[in-house]
Amino acid sequence: LYDPDLSDPVKESYKLHNSKVESSF
């Protein structure tokens, strides 16, 4: 996932409080 210029790929895989993953809350 790591992209040196952009943190979005790693950031969007966040498992806590992720609005794109309903079960994360």
PDBML (XML) file of the C-alpha atoms, coordinates in Angstrom:
<?xml version="1.0" encoding="UTF-8" ?>
<PDBx:datablock datablockName="MODEL"
   xmlns:PDBx="http://pdbml.pdb.org/schema/pdbx-v50.xsd"
   xmlns:xsi="http://www.w3.org/2001/XMLSchema-instance"
   xsi:schemaLocation="http://pdbml.pdb.org/schema/pdbx-v50.xsd pdbx-v50.xsd">
   <PDBx:atom_siteCategory>
      <PDBx:atom_site id="1">
         <PDBx:B_iso_or_equiv>0.00</PDBx:B_iso_or_equiv>
         <PDBx:Cartn_x>0.000</PDBx:Cartn_x>
         <PDBx:Cartn_y>0.000</PDBx:Cartn_y>
         <PDBx:Cartn_z>0.000</PDBx:Cartn_z>
         <PDBx:auth_asym_id>A</PDBx:auth_asym_id>
         <PDBx:auth_atom_id>CA</PDBx:auth_atom_id>
         <PDBx:auth_comp_id>LEU</PDBx:auth_comp_id>
         <PDBx:auth_seq_id>1</PDBx:auth_seq_id>
         <PDBx:group_PDB>ATOM</PDBx:group_PDB>
         <PDBx:label_alt_id xsi:nil="true" />
         <PDBx:label_asym_id>A</PDBx:label_asym_id>
         <PDBx:label_atom_id>CA</PDBx:label_atom_id>
         <PDBx:label_comp_id>LEU</PDBx:label_comp_id>
         <PDBx:label_entity_id>1</PDBx:label_entity_id>
         <PDBx:label_seq_id>1</PDBx:label_seq_id>
         <PDBx:occupancy>1.00</PDBx:occupancy>
         <PDBx:pdbx_PDB_model_num>1</PDBx:pdbx_PDB_model_num>
         <PDBx:type_symbol>C</PDBx:type_symbol>
      </PDBx:atom_site>
      <PDBx:atom_site id="2">
         <PDBx:B_iso_or_equiv>0.00</PDBx:B_iso_or_equiv>
         <PDBx:Cartn_x>2.866</PDBx:Cartn_x>
         <PDBx:Cartn_y>2.396</PDBx:Cartn_y>
         <PDBx:Cartn_z>0.711</PDBx:Cartn_z>
         <PDBx:auth_asym_id>A</PDBx:auth_asym_id>
         <PDBx:auth_atom_id>CA</PDBx:auth_atom_id>
         <PDBx:auth_comp_id>TYR</PDBx:auth_comp_id>
         <PDBx:auth_seq_id>2</PDBx:auth_seq_id>
         <PDBx:group_PDB>ATOM</PDBx:group_PDB>
         <PDBx:label_alt_id xsi:nil="true" />
         <PDBx:label_asym_id>A</PDBx:label_asym_id>
         <PDBx:label_atom_id>CA</PDBx:label_atom_id>
         <PDBx:label_comp_id>TYR</PDBx:label_comp_id>
         <PDBx:label_entity_id>1</PDBx:label_entity_id>
         <PDBx:label_seq_id>2</PDBx:label_seq_id>
         <PDBx:occupancy>1.00</PDBx:occupancy>
         <PDBx:pdbx_PDB_model_num>1</PDBx:pdbx_PDB_model_num>
         <PDBx:type_symbol>C</PDBx:type_symbol>
      </PDBx:atom_site>
      <PDBx:atom_site id="3">
         <PDBx:B_iso_or_equiv>0.00</PDBx:B_iso_or_equiv>
         <PDBx:Cartn_x>3.152</PDBx:Cartn_x>
         <PDBx:Cartn_y>5.294</PDBx:Cartn_y>
         <PDBx:Cartn_z>-1.757</PDBx:Cartn_z>
         <PDBx:auth_asym_id>A</PDBx:auth_asym_id>
         <PDBx:auth_atom_id>CA</PDBx:auth_atom_id>
         <PDBx:auth_comp_id>ASP</PDBx:auth_comp_id>
         <PDBx:auth_seq_id>3</PDBx:auth_seq_id>
         <PDBx:group_PDB>ATOM</PDBx:group_PDB>
         <PDBx:label_alt_id xsi:nil="true" />
         <PDBx:label_asym_id>A</PDBx:label_asym_id>
         <PDBx:label_atom_id>CA</PDBx:label_atom_id>
         <PDBx:label_comp_id>ASP</PDBx:label_comp_id>
         <PDBx:label_entity_id>1</PDBx:label_entity_id>
         <PDBx:label_seq_id>3</PDBx:label_seq_id>
         <PDBx:occupancy>1.00</PDBx:occupancy>
         <PDBx:pdbx_PDB_model_num>1</PDBx:pdbx_PDB_model_num>
         <PDBx:type_symbol>C</PDBx:type_symbol>
      </PDBx:atom_site>
      <PDBx:atom_site id="4">
         <PDBx:B_iso_or_equiv>0.00</PDBx:B_iso_or_equiv>
         <PDBx:Cartn_x>5.946</PDBx:Cartn_x>
         <PDBx:Cartn_y>7.758</PDBx:Cartn_y>
         <PDBx:Cartn_z>-0.852</PDBx:Cartn_z>
         <PDBx:auth_asym_id>A</PDBx:auth_asym_id>
         <PDBx:auth_atom_id>CA</PDBx:auth_atom_id>
         <PDBx:auth_comp_id>PRO</PDBx:auth_comp_id>
         <PDBx:auth_seq_id>4</PDBx:auth_seq_id>
         <PDBx:group_PDB>ATOM</PDBx:group_PDB>
         <PDBx:label_alt_id xsi:nil="true" />
         <PDBx:label_asym_id>A</PDBx:label_asym_id>
         <PDBx:label_atom_id>CA</PDBx:label_atom_id>
         <PDBx:label_comp_id>PRO</PDBx:label_comp_id>
         <PDBx:label_entity_id>1</PDBx:label_entity_id>
         <PDBx:label_seq_id>4</PDBx:label_seq_id>
         <PDBx:occupancy>1.00</PDBx:occupancy>
         <PDBx:pdbx_PDB_model_num>1</PDBx:pdbx_PDB_model_num>
         <PDBx:type_symbol>C</PDBx:type_symbol>
      </PDBx:atom_site>
      <PDBx:atom_site id="5">
         <PDBx:B_iso_or_equiv>0.00</PDBx:B_iso_or_equiv>
         <PDBx:Cartn_x>4.016</PDBx:Cartn_x>
         <PDBx:Cartn_y>10.781</PDBx:Cartn_y>
         <PDBx:Cartn_z>-2.194</PDBx:Cartn_z>
         <PDBx:auth_asym_id>A</PDBx:auth_asym_id>
         <PDBx:auth_atom_id>CA</PDBx:auth_atom_id>
         <PDBx:auth_comp_id>ASP</PDBx:auth_comp_id>
         <PDBx:auth_seq_id>5</PDBx:auth_seq_id>
         <PDBx:group_PDB>ATOM</PDBx:group_PDB>
         <PDBx:label_alt_id xsi:nil="true" />
         <PDBx:label_asym_id>A</PDBx:label_asym_id>
         <PDBx:label_atom_id>CA</PDBx:label_atom_id>
         <PDBx:label_comp_id>ASP</PDBx:label_comp_id>
         <PDBx:label_entity_id>1</PDBx:label_entity_id>
         <PDBx:label_seq_id>5</PDBx:label_seq_id>
         <PDBx:occupancy>1.00</PDBx:occupancy>
         <PDBx:pdbx_PDB_model_num>1</PDBx:pdbx_PDB_model_num>
         <PDBx:type_symbol>C</PDBx:type_symbol>
      </PDBx:atom_site>
      <PDBx:atom_site id="6">
         <PDBx:B_iso_or_equiv>0.00</PDBx:B_iso_or_equiv>
         <PDBx:Cartn_x>0.540</PDBx:Cartn_x>
         <PDBx:Cartn_y>9.930</PDBx:Cartn_y>
         <PDBx:Cartn_z>-0.937</PDBx:Cartn_z>
         <PDBx:auth_asym_id>A</PDBx:auth_asym_id>
         <PDBx:auth_atom_id>CA</PDBx:auth_atom_id>
         <PDBx:auth_comp_id>LEU</PDBx:auth_comp_id>
         <PDBx:auth_seq_id>6</PDBx:auth_seq_id>
         <PDBx:group_PDB>ATOM</PDBx:group_PDB>
         <PDBx:label_alt_id xsi:nil="true" />
         <PDBx:label_asym_id>A</PDBx:label_asym_id>
         <PDBx:label_atom_id>CA</PDBx:label_atom_id>
         <PDBx:label_comp_id>LEU</PDBx:label_comp_id>
         <PDBx:label_entity_id>1</PDBx:label_entity_id>
         <PDBx:label_seq_id>6</PDBx:label_seq_id>
         <PDBx:occupancy>1.00</PDBx:occupancy>
         <PDBx:pdbx_PDB_model_num>1</PDBx:pdbx_PDB_model_num>
         <PDBx:type_symbol>C</PDBx:type_symbol>
      </PDBx:atom_site>
      <PDBx:atom_site id="7">
         <PDBx:B_iso_or_equiv>0.00</PDBx:B_iso_or_equiv>
         <PDBx:Cartn_x>-0.648</PDBx:Cartn_x>
         <PDBx:Cartn_y>8.565</PDBx:Cartn_y>
         <PDBx:Cartn_z>2.398</PDBx:Cartn_z>
         <PDBx:auth_asym_id>A</PDBx:auth_asym_id>
         <PDBx:auth_atom_id>CA</PDBx:auth_atom_id>
         <PDBx:auth_comp_id>SER</PDBx:auth_comp_id>
         <PDBx:auth_seq_id>7</PDBx:auth_seq_id>
         <PDBx:group_PDB>ATOM</PDBx:group_PDB>
         <PDBx:label_alt_id xsi:nil="true" />
         <PDBx:label_asym_id>A</PDBx:label_asym_id>
         <PDBx:label_atom_id>CA</PDBx:label_atom_id>
         <PDBx:label_comp_id>SER</PDBx:label_comp_id>
         <PDBx:label_entity_id>1</PDBx:label_entity_id>
         <PDBx:label_seq_id>7</PDBx:label_seq_id>
         <PDBx:occupancy>1.00</PDBx:occupancy>
         <PDBx:pdbx_PDB_model_num>1</PDBx:pdbx_PDB_model_num>
         <PDBx:type_symbol>C</PDBx:type_symbol>
      </PDBx:atom_site>
      <PDBx:atom_site id="8">
         <PDBx:B_iso_or_equiv>0.00</PDBx:B_iso_or_equiv>
         <PDBx:Cartn_x>-4.212</PDBx:Cartn_x>
         <PDBx:Cartn_y>7.836</PDBx:Cartn_y>
         <PDBx:Cartn_z>1.227</PDBx:Cartn_z>
         <PDBx:auth_asym_id>A</PDBx:auth_asym_id>
         <PDBx:auth_atom_id>CA</PDBx:auth_atom_id>
         <PDBx:auth_comp_id>ASP</PDBx:auth_comp_id>
         <PDBx:auth_seq_id>8</PDBx:auth_seq_id>
         <PDBx:group_PDB>ATOM</PDBx:group_PDB>
         <PDBx:label_alt_id xsi:nil="true" />
         <PDBx:label_asym_id>A</PDBx:label_asym_id>
         <PDBx:label_atom_id>CA</PDBx:label_atom_id>
         <PDBx:label_comp_id>ASP</PDBx:label_comp_id>
         <PDBx:label_entity_id>1</PDBx:label_entity_id>
         <PDBx:label_seq_id>8</PDBx:label_seq_id>
         <PDBx:occupancy>1.00</PDBx:occupancy>
         <PDBx:pdbx_PDB_model_num>1</PDBx:pdbx_PDB_model_num>
         <PDBx:type_symbol>C</PDBx:type_symbol>
      </PDBx:atom_site>
      <PDBx:atom_site id="9">
         <PDBx:B_iso_or_equiv>0.00</PDBx:B_iso_or_equiv>
         <PDBx:Cartn_x>-3.643</PDBx:Cartn_x>
         <PDBx:Cartn_y>4.138</PDBx:Cartn_y>
         <PDBx:Cartn_z>0.356</PDBx:Cartn_z>
         <PDBx:auth_asym_id>A</PDBx:auth_asym_id>
         <PDBx:auth_atom_id>CA</PDBx:auth_atom_id>
         <PDBx:auth_comp_id>PRO</PDBx:auth_comp_id>
         <PDBx:auth_seq_id>9</PDBx:auth_seq_id>
         <PDBx:group_PDB>ATOM</PDBx:group_PDB>
         <PDBx:label_alt_id xsi:nil="true" />
         <PDBx:label_asym_id>A</PDBx:label_asym_id>
         <PDBx:label_atom_id>CA</PDBx:label_atom_id>
         <PDBx:label_comp_id>PRO</PDBx:label_comp_id>
         <PDBx:label_entity_id>1</PDBx:label_entity_id>
         <PDBx:label_seq_id>9</PDBx:label_seq_id>
         <PDBx:occupancy>1.00</PDBx:occupancy>
         <PDBx:pdbx_PDB_model_num>1</PDBx:pdbx_PDB_model_num>
         <PDBx:type_symbol>C</PDBx:type_symbol>
      </PDBx:atom_site>
      <PDBx:atom_site id="10">
         <PDBx:B_iso_or_equiv>0.00</PDBx:B_iso_or_equiv>
         <PDBx:Cartn_x>-2.371</PDBx:Cartn_x>
         <PDBx:Cartn_y>3.399</PDBx:Cartn_y>
         <PDBx:Cartn_z>3.870</PDBx:Cartn_z>
         <PDBx:auth_asym_id>A</PDBx:auth_asym_id>
         <PDBx:auth_atom_id>CA</PDBx:auth_atom_id>
         <PDBx:auth_comp_id>VAL</PDBx:auth_comp_id>
         <PDBx:auth_seq_id>10</PDBx:auth_seq_id>
         <PDBx:group_PDB>ATOM</PDBx:group_PDB>
         <PDBx:label_alt_id xsi:nil="true" />
         <PDBx:label_asym_id>A</PDBx:label_asym_id>
         <PDBx:label_atom_id>CA</PDBx:label_atom_id>
         <PDBx:label_comp_id>VAL</PDBx:label_comp_id>
         <PDBx:label_entity_id>1</PDBx:label_entity_id>
         <PDBx:label_seq_id>10</PDBx:label_seq_id>
         <PDBx:occupancy>1.00</PDBx:occupancy>
         <PDBx:pdbx_PDB_model_num>1</PDBx:pdbx_PDB_model_num>
         <PDBx:type_symbol>C</PDBx:type_symbol>
      </PDBx:atom_site>
      <PDBx:atom_site id="11">
         <PDBx:B_iso_or_equiv>0.00</PDBx:B_iso_or_equiv>
         <PDBx:Cartn_x>-4.703</PDBx:Cartn_x>
         <PDBx:Cartn_y>5.866</PDBx:Cartn_y>
         <PDBx:Cartn_z>5.552</PDBx:Cartn_z>
         <PDBx:auth_asym_id>A</PDBx:auth_asym_id>
         <PDBx:auth_atom_id>CA</PDBx:auth_atom_id>
         <PDBx:auth_comp_id>LYS</PDBx:auth_comp_id>
         <PDBx:auth_seq_id>11</PDBx:auth_seq_id>
         <PDBx:group_PDB>ATOM</PDBx:group_PDB>
         <PDBx:label_alt_id xsi:nil="true" />
         <PDBx:label_asym_id>A</PDBx:label_asym_id>
         <PDBx:label_atom_id>CA</PDBx:label_atom_id>
         <PDBx:label_comp_id>LYS</PDBx:label_comp_id>
         <PDBx:label_entity_id>1</PDBx:label_entity_id>
         <PDBx:label_seq_id>11</PDBx:label_seq_id>
         <PDBx:occupancy>1.00</PDBx:occupancy>
         <PDBx:pdbx_PDB_model_num>1</PDBx:pdbx_PDB_model_num>
         <PDBx:type_symbol>C</PDBx:type_symbol>
      </PDBx:atom_site>
      <PDBx:atom_site id="12">
         <PDBx:B_iso_or_equiv>0.00</PDBx:B_iso_or_equiv>
         <PDBx:Cartn_x>-7.828</PDBx:Cartn_x>
         <PDBx:Cartn_y>4.439</PDBx:Cartn_y>
         <PDBx:Cartn_z>3.913</PDBx:Cartn_z>
         <PDBx:auth_asym_id>A</PDBx:auth_asym_id>
         <PDBx:auth_atom_id>CA</PDBx:auth_atom_id>
         <PDBx:auth_comp_id>GLU</PDBx:auth_comp_id>
         <PDBx:auth_seq_id>12</PDBx:auth_seq_id>
         <PDBx:group_PDB>ATOM</PDBx:group_PDB>
         <PDBx:label_alt_id xsi:nil="true" />
         <PDBx:label_asym_id>A</PDBx:label_asym_id>
         <PDBx:label_atom_id>CA</PDBx:label_atom_id>
         <PDBx:label_comp_id>GLU</PDBx:label_comp_id>
         <PDBx:label_entity_id>1</PDBx:label_entity_id>
         <PDBx:label_seq_id>12</PDBx:label_seq_id>
         <PDBx:occupancy>1.00</PDBx:occupancy>
         <PDBx:pdbx_PDB_model_num>1</PDBx:pdbx_PDB_model_num>
         <PDBx:type_symbol>C</PDBx:type_symbol>
      </PDBx:atom_site>
      <PDBx:atom_site id="13">
         <PDBx:B_iso_or_equiv>0.00</PDBx:B_iso_or_equiv>
         <PDBx:Cartn_x>-6.966</PDBx:Cartn_x>
         <PDBx:Cartn_y>0.990</PDBx:Cartn_y>
         <PDBx:Cartn_z>5.276</PDBx:Cartn_z>
         <PDBx:auth_asym_id>A</PDBx:auth_asym_id>
         <PDBx:auth_atom_id>CA</PDBx:auth_atom_id>
         <PDBx:auth_comp_id>SER</PDBx:auth_comp_id>
         <PDBx:auth_seq_id>13</PDBx:auth_seq_id>
         <PDBx:group_PDB>ATOM</PDBx:group_PDB>
         <PDBx:label_alt_id xsi:nil="true" />
         <PDBx:label_asym_id>A</PDBx:label_asym_id>
         <PDBx:label_atom_id>CA</PDBx:label_atom_id>
         <PDBx:label_comp_id>SER</PDBx:label_comp_id>
         <PDBx:label_entity_id>1</PDBx:label_entity_id>
         <PDBx:label_seq_id>13</PDBx:label_seq_id>
         <PDBx:occupancy>1.00</PDBx:occupancy>
         <PDBx:pdbx_PDB_model_num>1</PDBx:pdbx_PDB_model_num>
         <PDBx:type_symbol>C</PDBx:type_symbol>
      </PDBx:atom_site>
      <PDBx:atom_site id="14">
         <PDBx:B_iso_or_equiv>0.00</PDBx:B_iso_or_equiv>
         <PDBx:Cartn_x>-7.394</PDBx:Cartn_x>
         <PDBx:Cartn_y>2.320</PDBx:Cartn_y>
         <PDBx:Cartn_z>8.836</PDBx:Cartn_z>
         <PDBx:auth_asym_id>A</PDBx:auth_asym_id>
         <PDBx:auth_atom_id>CA</PDBx:auth_atom_id>
         <PDBx:auth_comp_id>TYR</PDBx:auth_comp_id>
         <PDBx:auth_seq_id>14</PDBx:auth_seq_id>
         <PDBx:group_PDB>ATOM</PDBx:group_PDB>
         <PDBx:label_alt_id xsi:nil="true" />
         <PDBx:label_asym_id>A</PDBx:label_asym_id>
         <PDBx:label_atom_id>CA</PDBx:label_atom_id>
         <PDBx:label_comp_id>TYR</PDBx:label_comp_id>
         <PDBx:label_entity_id>1</PDBx:label_entity_id>
         <PDBx:label_seq_id>14</PDBx:label_seq_id>
         <PDBx:occupancy>1.00</PDBx:occupancy>
         <PDBx:pdbx_PDB_model_num>1</PDBx:pdbx_PDB_model_num>
         <PDBx:type_symbol>C</PDBx:type_symbol>
      </PDBx:atom_site>
      <PDBx:atom_site id="15">
         <PDBx:B_iso_or_equiv>0.00</PDBx:B_iso_or_equiv>
         <PDBx:Cartn_x>-9.475</PDBx:Cartn_x>
         <PDBx:Cartn_y>-0.123</PDBx:Cartn_y>
         <PDBx:Cartn_z>10.864</PDBx:Cartn_z>
         <PDBx:auth_asym_id>A</PDBx:auth_asym_id>
         <PDBx:auth_atom_id>CA</PDBx:auth_atom_id>
         <PDBx:auth_comp_id>LYS</PDBx:auth_comp_id>
         <PDBx:auth_seq_id>15</PDBx:auth_seq_id>
         <PDBx:group_PDB>ATOM</PDBx:group_PDB>
         <PDBx:label_alt_id xsi:nil="true" />
         <PDBx:label_asym_id>A</PDBx:label_asym_id>
         <PDBx:label_atom_id>CA</PDBx:label_atom_id>
         <PDBx:label_comp_id>LYS</PDBx:label_comp_id>
         <PDBx:label_entity_id>1</PDBx:label_entity_id>
         <PDBx:label_seq_id>15</PDBx:label_seq_id>
         <PDBx:occupancy>1.00</PDBx:occupancy>
         <PDBx:pdbx_PDB_model_num>1</PDBx:pdbx_PDB_model_num>
         <PDBx:type_symbol>C</PDBx:type_symbol>
      </PDBx:atom_site>
      <PDBx:atom_site id="16">
         <PDBx:B_iso_or_equiv>0.00</PDBx:B_iso_or_equiv>
         <PDBx:Cartn_x>-10.796</PDBx:Cartn_x>
         <PDBx:Cartn_y>2.331</PDBx:Cartn_y>
         <PDBx:Cartn_z>13.471</PDBx:Cartn_z>
         <PDBx:auth_asym_id>A</PDBx:auth_asym_id>
         <PDBx:auth_atom_id>CA</PDBx:auth_atom_id>
         <PDBx:auth_comp_id>LEU</PDBx:auth_comp_id>
         <PDBx:auth_seq_id>16</PDBx:auth_seq_id>
         <PDBx:group_PDB>ATOM</PDBx:group_PDB>
         <PDBx:label_alt_id xsi:nil="true" />
         <PDBx:label_asym_id>A</PDBx:label_asym_id>
         <PDBx:label_atom_id>CA</PDBx:label_atom_id>
         <PDBx:label_comp_id>LEU</PDBx:label_comp_id>
         <PDBx:label_entity_id>1</PDBx:label_entity_id>
         <PDBx:label_seq_id>16</PDBx:label_seq_id>
         <PDBx:occupancy>1.00</PDBx:occupancy>
         <PDBx:pdbx_PDB_model_num>1</PDBx:pdbx_PDB_model_num>
         <PDBx:type_symbol>C</PDBx:type_symbol>
      </PDBx:atom_site>
      <PDBx:atom_site id="17">
         <PDBx:B_iso_or_equiv>0.00</PDBx:B_iso_or_equiv>
         <PDBx:Cartn_x>-13.425</PDBx:Cartn_x>
         <PDBx:Cartn_y>5.030</PDBx:Cartn_y>
         <PDBx:Cartn_z>12.867</PDBx:Cartn_z>
         <PDBx:auth_asym_id>A</PDBx:auth_asym_id>
         <PDBx:auth_atom_id>CA</PDBx:auth_atom_id>
         <PDBx:auth_comp_id>HIS</PDBx:auth_comp_id>
         <PDBx:auth_seq_id>17</PDBx:auth_seq_id>
         <PDBx:group_PDB>ATOM</PDBx:group_PDB>
         <PDBx:label_alt_id xsi:nil="true" />
         <PDBx:label_asym_id>A</PDBx:label_asym_id>
         <PDBx:label_atom_id>CA</PDBx:label_atom_id>
         <PDBx:label_comp_id>HIS</PDBx:label_comp_id>
         <PDBx:label_entity_id>1</PDBx:label_entity_id>
         <PDBx:label_seq_id>17</PDBx:label_seq_id>
         <PDBx:occupancy>1.00</PDBx:occupancy>
         <PDBx:pdbx_PDB_model_num>1</PDBx:pdbx_PDB_model_num>
         <PDBx:type_symbol>C</PDBx:type_symbol>
      </PDBx:atom_site>
      <PDBx:atom_site id="18">
         <PDBx:B_iso_or_equiv>0.00</PDBx:B_iso_or_equiv>
         <PDBx:Cartn_x>-13.201</PDBx:Cartn_x>
         <PDBx:Cartn_y>4.709</PDBx:Cartn_y>
         <PDBx:Cartn_z>9.095</PDBx:Cartn_z>
         <PDBx:auth_asym_id>A</PDBx:auth_asym_id>
         <PDBx:auth_atom_id>CA</PDBx:auth_atom_id>
         <PDBx:auth_comp_id>ASN</PDBx:auth_comp_id>
         <PDBx:auth_seq_id>18</PDBx:auth_seq_id>
         <PDBx:group_PDB>ATOM</PDBx:group_PDB>
         <PDBx:label_alt_id xsi:nil="true" />
         <PDBx:label_asym_id>A</PDBx:label_asym_id>
         <PDBx:label_atom_id>CA</PDBx:label_atom_id>
         <PDBx:label_comp_id>ASN</PDBx:label_comp_id>
         <PDBx:label_entity_id>1</PDBx:label_entity_id>
         <PDBx:label_seq_id>18</PDBx:label_seq_id>
         <PDBx:occupancy>1.00</PDBx:occupancy>
         <PDBx:pdbx_PDB_model_num>1</PDBx:pdbx_PDB_model_num>
         <PDBx:type_symbol>C</PDBx:type_symbol>
      </PDBx:atom_site>
      <PDBx:atom_site id="19">
         <PDBx:B_iso_or_equiv>0.00</PDBx:B_iso_or_equiv>
         <PDBx:Cartn_x>-16.268</PDBx:Cartn_x>
         <PDBx:Cartn_y>6.238</PDBx:Cartn_y>
         <PDBx:Cartn_z>7.448</PDBx:Cartn_z>
         <PDBx:auth_asym_id>A</PDBx:auth_asym_id>
         <PDBx:auth_atom_id>CA</PDBx:auth_atom_id>
         <PDBx:auth_comp_id>SER</PDBx:auth_comp_id>
         <PDBx:auth_seq_id>19</PDBx:auth_seq_id>
         <PDBx:group_PDB>ATOM</PDBx:group_PDB>
         <PDBx:label_alt_id xsi:nil="true" />
         <PDBx:label_asym_id>A</PDBx:label_asym_id>
         <PDBx:label_atom_id>CA</PDBx:label_atom_id>
         <PDBx:label_comp_id>SER</PDBx:label_comp_id>
         <PDBx:label_entity_id>1</PDBx:label_entity_id>
         <PDBx:label_seq_id>19</PDBx:label_seq_id>
         <PDBx:occupancy>1.00</PDBx:occupancy>
         <PDBx:pdbx_PDB_model_num>1</PDBx:pdbx_PDB_model_num>
         <PDBx:type_symbol>C</PDBx:type_symbol>
      </PDBx:atom_site>
      <PDBx:atom_site id="20">
         <PDBx:B_iso_or_equiv>0.00</PDBx:B_iso_or_equiv>
         <PDBx:Cartn_x>-15.762</PDBx:Cartn_x>
         <PDBx:Cartn_y>3.966</PDBx:Cartn_y>
         <PDBx:Cartn_z>4.423</PDBx:Cartn_z>
         <PDBx:auth_asym_id>A</PDBx:auth_asym_id>
         <PDBx:auth_atom_id>CA</PDBx:auth_atom_id>
         <PDBx:auth_comp_id>LYS</PDBx:auth_comp_id>
         <PDBx:auth_seq_id>20</PDBx:auth_seq_id>
         <PDBx:group_PDB>ATOM</PDBx:group_PDB>
         <PDBx:label_alt_id xsi:nil="true" />
         <PDBx:label_asym_id>A</PDBx:label_asym_id>
         <PDBx:label_atom_id>CA</PDBx:label_atom_id>
         <PDBx:label_comp_id>LYS</PDBx:label_comp_id>
         <PDBx:label_entity_id>1</PDBx:label_entity_id>
         <PDBx:label_seq_id>20</PDBx:label_seq_id>
         <PDBx:occupancy>1.00</PDBx:occupancy>
         <PDBx:pdbx_PDB_model_num>1</PDBx:pdbx_PDB_model_num>
         <PDBx:type_symbol>C</PDBx:type_symbol>
      </PDBx:atom_site>
      <PDBx:atom_site id="21">
         <PDBx:B_iso_or_equiv>0.00</PDBx:B_iso_or_equiv>
         <PDBx:Cartn_x>-15.983</PDBx:Cartn_x>
         <PDBx:Cartn_y>0.828</PDBx:Cartn_y>
         <PDBx:Cartn_z>6.593</PDBx:Cartn_z>
         <PDBx:auth_asym_id>A</PDBx:auth_asym_id>
         <PDBx:auth_atom_id>CA</PDBx:auth_atom_id>
         <PDBx:auth_comp_id>VAL</PDBx:auth_comp_id>
         <PDBx:auth_seq_id>21</PDBx:auth_seq_id>
         <PDBx:group_PDB>ATOM</PDBx:group_PDB>
         <PDBx:label_alt_id xsi:nil="true" />
         <PDBx:label_asym_id>A</PDBx:label_asym_id>
         <PDBx:label_atom_id>CA</PDBx:label_atom_id>
         <PDBx:label_comp_id>VAL</PDBx:label_comp_id>
         <PDBx:label_entity_id>1</PDBx:label_entity_id>
         <PDBx:label_seq_id>21</PDBx:label_seq_id>
         <PDBx:occupancy>1.00</PDBx:occupancy>
         <PDBx:pdbx_PDB_model_num>1</PDBx:pdbx_PDB_model_num>
         <PDBx:type_symbol>C</PDBx:type_symbol>
      </PDBx:atom_site>
      <PDBx:atom_site id="22">
         <PDBx:B_iso_or_equiv>0.00</PDBx:B_iso_or_equiv>
         <PDBx:Cartn_x>-19.188</PDBx:Cartn_x>
         <PDBx:Cartn_y>0.804</PDBx:Cartn_y>
         <PDBx:Cartn_z>8.619</PDBx:Cartn_z>
         <PDBx:auth_asym_id>A</PDBx:auth_asym_id>
         <PDBx:auth_atom_id>CA</PDBx:auth_atom_id>
         <PDBx:auth_comp_id>GLU</PDBx:auth_comp_id>
         <PDBx:auth_seq_id>22</PDBx:auth_seq_id>
         <PDBx:group_PDB>ATOM</PDBx:group_PDB>
         <PDBx:label_alt_id xsi:nil="true" />
         <PDBx:label_asym_id>A</PDBx:label_asym_id>
         <PDBx:label_atom_id>CA</PDBx:label_atom_id>
         <PDBx:label_comp_id>GLU</PDBx:label_comp_id>
         <PDBx:label_entity_id>1</PDBx:label_entity_id>
         <PDBx:label_seq_id>22</PDBx:label_seq_id>
         <PDBx:occupancy>1.00</PDBx:occupancy>
         <PDBx:pdbx_PDB_model_num>1</PDBx:pdbx_PDB_model_num>
         <PDBx:type_symbol>C</PDBx:type_symbol>
      </PDBx:atom_site>
      <PDBx:atom_site id="23">
         <PDBx:B_iso_or_equiv>0.00</PDBx:B_iso_or_equiv>
         <PDBx:Cartn_x>-18.076</PDBx:Cartn_x>
         <PDBx:Cartn_y>-2.005</PDBx:Cartn_y>
         <PDBx:Cartn_z>10.922</PDBx:Cartn_z>
         <PDBx:auth_asym_id>A</PDBx:auth_asym_id>
         <PDBx:auth_atom_id>CA</PDBx:auth_atom_id>
         <PDBx:auth_comp_id>SER</PDBx:auth_comp_id>
         <PDBx:auth_seq_id>23</PDBx:auth_seq_id>
         <PDBx:group_PDB>ATOM</PDBx:group_PDB>
         <PDBx:label_alt_id xsi:nil="true" />
         <PDBx:label_asym_id>A</PDBx:label_asym_id>
         <PDBx:label_atom_id>CA</PDBx:label_atom_id>
         <PDBx:label_comp_id>SER</PDBx:label_comp_id>
         <PDBx:label_entity_id>1</PDBx:label_entity_id>
         <PDBx:label_seq_id>23</PDBx:label_seq_id>
         <PDBx:occupancy>1.00</PDBx:occupancy>
         <PDBx:pdbx_PDB_model_num>1</PDBx:pdbx_PDB_model_num>
         <PDBx:type_symbol>C</PDBx:type_symbol>
      </PDBx:atom_site>
      <PDBx:atom_site id="24">
         <PDBx:B_iso_or_equiv>0.00</PDBx:B_iso_or_equiv>
         <PDBx:Cartn_x>-14.946</PDBx:Cartn_x>
         <PDBx:Cartn_y>-0.035</PDBx:Cartn_y>
         <PDBx:Cartn_z>11.897</PDBx:Cartn_z>
         <PDBx:auth_asym_id>A</PDBx:auth_asym_id>
         <PDBx:auth_atom_id>CA</PDBx:auth_atom_id>
         <PDBx:auth_comp_id>SER</PDBx:auth_comp_id>
         <PDBx:auth_seq_id>24</PDBx:auth_seq_id>
         <PDBx:group_PDB>ATOM</PDBx:group_PDB>
         <PDBx:label_alt_id xsi:nil="true" />
         <PDBx:label_asym_id>A</PDBx:label_asym_id>
         <PDBx:label_atom_id>CA</PDBx:label_atom_id>
         <PDBx:label_comp_id>SER</PDBx:label_comp_id>
         <PDBx:label_entity_id>1</PDBx:label_entity_id>
         <PDBx:label_seq_id>24</PDBx:label_seq_id>
         <PDBx:occupancy>1.00</PDBx:occupancy>
         <PDBx:pdbx_PDB_model_num>1</PDBx:pdbx_PDB_model_num>
         <PDBx:type_symbol>C</PDBx:type_symbol>
      </PDBx:atom_site>
      <PDBx:atom_site id="25">
         <PDBx:B_iso_or_equiv>0.00</PDBx:B_iso_or_equiv>
         <PDBx:Cartn_x>-16.858</PDBx:Cartn_x>
         <PDBx:Cartn_y>2.012</PDBx:Cartn_y>
         <PDBx:Cartn_z>14.487</PDBx:Cartn_z>
         <PDBx:auth_asym_id>A</PDBx:auth_asym_id>
         <PDBx:auth_atom_id>CA</PDBx:auth_atom_id>
         <PDBx:auth_comp_id>PHE</PDBx:auth_comp_id>
         <PDBx:auth_seq_id>25</PDBx:auth_seq_id>
         <PDBx:group_PDB>ATOM</PDBx:group_PDB>
         <PDBx:label_alt_id xsi:nil="true" />
         <PDBx:label_asym_id>A</PDBx:label_asym_id>
         <PDBx:label_atom_id>CA</PDBx:label_atom_id>
         <PDBx:label_comp_id>PHE</PDBx:label_comp_id>
         <PDBx:label_entity_id>1</PDBx:label_entity_id>
         <PDBx:label_seq_id>25</PDBx:label_seq_id>
         <PDBx:occupancy>1.00</PDBx:occupancy>
         <PDBx:pdbx_PDB_model_num>1</PDBx:pdbx_PDB_model_num>
         <PDBx:type_symbol>C</PDBx:type_symbol>
      </PDBx:atom_site>
   </PDBx:atom_siteCategory>
</PDBx:datablock>
